[in-house]
Structures are given as C-alpha cells and as structure tokens.
Amino acid sequence: MGNASREDVGKVVFDGSRTIRNADETHAILMAAGKSHAVVEIECGALDEVDLSFVQLLIAARNGARRDRRVVRLAGPVSGVLRDALQRGGFLTAVGLAAGATATADQTADHDFWLHTEAR
C-alpha cells in the first residue's frame, strides 16, 4: 500500500473502554486521523474493555483506508482484551482450517493484520 513518508504517520492511542457506548467517539477519532494522514498507526495495548463494535470500527477504518490508498495498521500484535474479543468473534480462526481447508487471501490478510505479521 502507498509509499507514505514517515512524517505522514498519525498515531492513535486507545485506552480504557472502547465499546458501543463510545462508538461514535471512536469512529470520529479514526475518521479524523484517516483524513489527516496517509498512514494511521493504532495502539490498542492499554485497552481494558472492548466489544465487537470496536473490532468493526477497526475493520471499517482499514477497509476505507485501503480503498483510499491509505494505510491503517496496528502498532503491534493484538493482546489482552482485544485479542480475547477477536478470538470470541472468530476473527483469529479461519473457518474450516481445522478440517484441512486452505485459508482465503482475505482471511490470511486479516489474520496478518491482527497479529502484526503483514509486510510493512
């Protein structure tokens, strides 16, 4: 994705609670960062509560950035409550892989995004 300069990296740090109760605020933060920077790096390590609305907002931000030739990435691999929510929601397990199926390119890219293993 794009060749953005280091100076155009916007950093967003989420901490505390990111749930449906503050989804509008989370959305506004992500939108503002995406409009201001070619690359948005999101730090989620200090979260102590999340729900699937936060996961959905991160996915939407990433998809929108890709469409606009921008980049949304995580500062590091998911951990803690966000990783737990991703596991409960099935985002870290490719459906059918246990039965010997091969992951799709989208499943692999999403898995790599969350676990911070995609090429930088």
C-alpha atoms as a PDB file:
ATOM      1  CA  MET A   1       0.000   0.000   0.000  1.00  0.00           C
ATOM      2  CA  GLY A   2       1.219   3.504  -0.730  1.00  0.00           C
ATOM      3  CA  ASN A   3       4.654   4.892  -0.065  1.00  0.00           C
ATOM      4  CA  ALA A   4       3.806   7.364   2.663  1.00  0.00           C
ATOM      5  CA  SER A   5       6.605   9.283   4.271  1.00  0.00           C
ATOM      6  CA  ARG A   6       7.370   8.762   7.930  1.00  0.00           C
ATOM      7  CA  GLU A   7       6.210  12.337   8.595  1.00  0.00           C
ATOM      8  CA  ASP A   8       2.701  11.442   7.459  1.00  0.00           C
ATOM      9  CA  VAL A   9       2.063   8.765  10.094  1.00  0.00           C
ATOM     10  CA  GLY A  10      -0.712   9.629  12.503  1.00  0.00           C
ATOM     11  CA  LYS A  11      -0.702   7.756  15.788  1.00  0.00           C
ATOM     12  CA  VAL A  12      -3.893   6.948  17.636  1.00  0.00           C
ATOM     13  CA  VAL A  13      -3.764   5.511  21.137  1.00  0.00           C
ATOM     14  CA  PHE A  14      -6.855   3.843  22.529  1.00  0.00           C
ATOM     15  CA  ASP A  15      -7.056   3.030  26.206  1.00  0.00           C
ATOM     16  CA  GLY A  16      -9.720   2.289  28.762  1.00  0.00           C
ATOM     17  CA  SER A  17     -13.056   1.193  27.375  1.00  0.00           C
ATOM     18  CA  ARG A  18     -13.982   1.073  23.676  1.00  0.00           C
ATOM     19  CA  THR A  19     -17.481  -0.310  23.370  1.00  0.00           C
ATOM     20  CA  ILE A  20     -20.799   0.518  21.750  1.00  0.00           C
ATOM     21  CA  ARG A  21     -21.254   3.192  24.442  1.00  0.00           C
ATOM     22  CA  ASN A  22     -18.487   5.315  22.915  1.00  0.00           C
ATOM     23  CA  ALA A  23     -18.516   4.012  19.340  1.00  0.00           C
ATOM     24  CA  ASP A  24     -19.380   7.458  17.919  1.00  0.00           C
ATOM     25  CA  GLU A  25     -16.300   8.937  19.590  1.00  0.00           C
ATOM     26  CA  THR A  26     -14.103   6.057  18.404  1.00  0.00           C
ATOM     27  CA  HIS A  27     -15.429   6.472  14.865  1.00  0.00           C
ATOM     28  CA  ALA A  28     -14.739  10.228  14.923  1.00  0.00           C
ATOM     29  CA  ILE A  29     -11.167   9.673  16.132  1.00  0.00           C
ATOM     30  CA  LEU A  30     -10.468   7.137  13.387  1.00  0.00           C
ATOM     31  CA  MET A  31     -12.060   9.307  10.683  1.00  0.00           C
ATOM     32  CA  ALA A  32     -10.102  12.417  11.718  1.00  0.00           C
ATOM     33  CA  ALA A  33      -6.827  10.515  11.741  1.00  0.00           C
ATOM     34  CA  GLY A  34      -7.597   8.950   8.356  1.00  0.00           C
ATOM     35  CA  LYS A  35      -8.363  12.327   6.802  1.00  0.00           C
ATOM     36  CA  SER A  36      -5.175  13.876   8.196  1.00  0.00           C
ATOM     37  CA  HIS A  37      -2.609  11.161   7.461  1.00  0.00           C
ATOM     38  CA  ALA A  38      -1.710   8.689   4.738  1.00  0.00           C
ATOM     39  CA  VAL A  39      -0.795   6.147   7.417  1.00  0.00           C
ATOM     40  CA  VAL A  40      -2.648   5.699  10.697  1.00  0.00           C
ATOM     41  CA  GLU A  41      -0.984   3.566  13.338  1.00  0.00           C
ATOM     42  CA  ILE A  42      -3.271   2.399  16.125  1.00  0.00           C
ATOM     43  CA  GLU A  43      -2.068   1.438  19.594  1.00  0.00           C
ATOM     44  CA  CYS A  44      -4.504  -0.789  21.497  1.00  0.00           C
ATOM     45  CA  GLY A  45      -2.316  -2.184  24.277  1.00  0.00           C
ATOM     46  CA  ALA A  46      -3.864  -0.146  27.103  1.00  0.00           C
ATOM     47  CA  LEU A  47      -7.478  -1.152  26.485  1.00  0.00           C
ATOM     48  CA  ASP A  48      -9.272  -2.718  29.416  1.00  0.00           C
ATOM     49  CA  GLU A  49     -12.679  -3.296  27.778  1.00  0.00           C
ATOM     50  CA  VAL A  50     -13.773  -3.751  24.166  1.00  0.00           C
ATOM     51  CA  ASP A  51     -16.702  -5.229  22.337  1.00  0.00           C
ATOM     52  CA  LEU A  52     -17.279  -6.170  18.734  1.00  0.00           C
ATOM     53  CA  SER A  53     -18.281  -2.612  17.819  1.00  0.00           C
ATOM     54  CA  PHE A  54     -14.633  -1.611  18.296  1.00  0.00           C
ATOM     55  CA  VAL A  55     -13.464  -4.506  16.145  1.00  0.00           C
ATOM     56  CA  GLN A  56     -15.964  -3.483  13.455  1.00  0.00           C
ATOM     57  CA  LEU A  57     -14.731   0.109  13.535  1.00  0.00           C
ATOM     58  CA  LEU A  58     -11.120  -1.020  13.108  1.00  0.00           C
ATOM     59  CA  ILE A  59     -12.104  -3.230  10.171  1.00  0.00           C
ATOM     60  CA  ALA A  60     -14.095  -0.406   8.581  1.00  0.00           C
ATOM     61  CA  ALA A  61     -11.196   2.025   9.034  1.00  0.00           C
ATOM     62  CA  ARG A  62      -8.788  -0.443   7.456  1.00  0.00           C
ATOM     63  CA  ASN A  63     -11.114  -1.145   4.522  1.00  0.00           C
ATOM     64  CA  GLY A  64     -11.771   2.550   3.947  1.00  0.00           C
ATOM     65  CA  ALA A  65      -8.075   3.331   4.065  1.00  0.00           C
ATOM     66  CA  ARG A  66      -7.311   0.585   1.564  1.00  0.00           C
ATOM     67  CA  ARG A  67      -9.993   1.942  -0.774  1.00  0.00           C
ATOM     68  CA  ASP A  68      -8.482   5.449  -0.500  1.00  0.00           C
ATOM     69  CA  ARG A  69      -4.910   4.176  -0.972  1.00  0.00           C
ATOM     70  CA  ARG A  70      -4.044   4.878   2.617  1.00  0.00           C
ATOM     71  CA  VAL A  71      -2.873   2.548   5.365  1.00  0.00           C
ATOM     72  CA  VAL A  72      -4.298   1.664   8.745  1.00  0.00           C
ATOM     73  CA  ARG A  73      -2.076  -0.590  10.799  1.00  0.00           C
ATOM     74  CA  LEU A  74      -1.708  -1.697  14.353  1.00  0.00           C
ATOM     75  CA  ALA A  75       1.308  -0.592  16.369  1.00  0.00           C
ATOM     76  CA  GLY A  76       1.815  -4.178  17.486  1.00  0.00           C
ATOM     77  CA  PRO A  77       0.086  -7.533  17.602  1.00  0.00           C
ATOM     78  CA  VAL A  78      -3.228  -7.557  19.425  1.00  0.00           C
ATOM     79  CA  SER A  79      -3.207  -8.686  23.020  1.00  0.00           C
ATOM     80  CA  GLY A  80      -5.300  -8.599  26.141  1.00  0.00           C
ATOM     81  CA  VAL A  81      -8.983  -7.792  25.891  1.00  0.00           C
ATOM     82  CA  LEU A  82      -8.848  -7.022  22.170  1.00  0.00           C
ATOM     83  CA  ARG A  83      -7.306 -10.386  21.397  1.00  0.00           C
ATOM     84  CA  ASP A  84      -9.923 -12.059  23.579  1.00  0.00           C
ATOM     85  CA  ALA A  85     -12.732 -10.280  21.696  1.00  0.00           C
ATOM     86  CA  LEU A  86     -11.206 -11.267  18.350  1.00  0.00           C
ATOM     87  CA  GLN A  87     -10.978 -14.887  19.418  1.00  0.00           C
ATOM     88  CA  ARG A  88     -14.550 -14.937  20.734  1.00  0.00           C
ATOM     89  CA  GLY A  89     -15.743 -13.340  17.488  1.00  0.00           C
ATOM     90  CA  GLY A  90     -13.882 -15.868  15.340  1.00  0.00           C
ATOM     91  CA  PHE A  91     -11.577 -13.292  13.753  1.00  0.00           C
ATOM     92  CA  LEU A  92      -8.386 -15.195  14.577  1.00  0.00           C
ATOM     93  CA  THR A  93      -9.589 -18.582  13.398  1.00  0.00           C
ATOM     94  CA  ALA A  94     -10.036 -19.279   9.717  1.00  0.00           C
ATOM     95  CA  VAL A  95     -13.297 -21.208   9.299  1.00  0.00           C
ATOM     96  CA  GLY A  96     -12.682 -24.741   8.202  1.00  0.00           C
ATOM     97  CA  LEU A  97      -8.920 -24.793   8.639  1.00  0.00           C
ATOM     98  CA  ALA A  98      -9.176 -27.497  11.248  1.00  0.00           C
ATOM     99  CA  ALA A  99     -10.782 -29.687   8.586  1.00  0.00           C
ATOM    100  CA  GLY A 100      -7.795 -29.197   6.298  1.00  0.00           C
ATOM    101  CA  ALA A 101      -9.170 -26.353   4.154  1.00  0.00           C
ATOM    102  CA  THR A 102      -6.889 -23.599   2.912  1.00  0.00           C
ATOM    103  CA  ALA A 103      -7.383 -20.027   4.110  1.00  0.00           C
ATOM    104  CA  THR A 104      -8.507 -17.465   1.535  1.00  0.00           C
ATOM    105  CA  ALA A 105      -6.278 -14.496   0.751  1.00  0.00           C
ATOM    106  CA  ASP A 106      -8.681 -12.219   2.677  1.00  0.00           C
ATOM    107  CA  GLN A 107      -8.629 -14.487   5.744  1.00  0.00           C
ATOM    108  CA  THR A 108      -4.837 -14.580   5.669  1.00  0.00           C
ATOM    109  CA  ALA A 109      -4.566 -10.782   5.255  1.00  0.00           C
ATOM    110  CA  ASP A 110      -6.985 -10.164   8.127  1.00  0.00           C
ATOM    111  CA  HIS A 111      -5.185 -12.638  10.381  1.00  0.00           C
ATOM    112  CA  ASP A 112      -1.852 -10.998   9.498  1.00  0.00           C
ATOM    113  CA  PHE A 113      -3.295  -7.545  10.273  1.00  0.00           C
ATOM    114  CA  TRP A 114      -4.411  -8.508  13.764  1.00  0.00           C
ATOM    115  CA  LEU A 115      -1.254 -10.420  14.612  1.00  0.00           C
ATOM    116  CA  HIS A 116       1.003  -7.755  13.072  1.00  0.00           C
ATOM    117  CA  THR A 117       2.686 -10.099  10.635  1.00  0.00           C
ATOM    118  CA  GLU A 118       1.765  -8.382   7.375  1.00  0.00           C
ATOM    119  CA  ALA A 119       4.575  -6.877   5.334  1.00  0.00           C
ATOM    120  CA  ARG A 120       5.448  -3.339   6.286  1.00  0.00           C
END
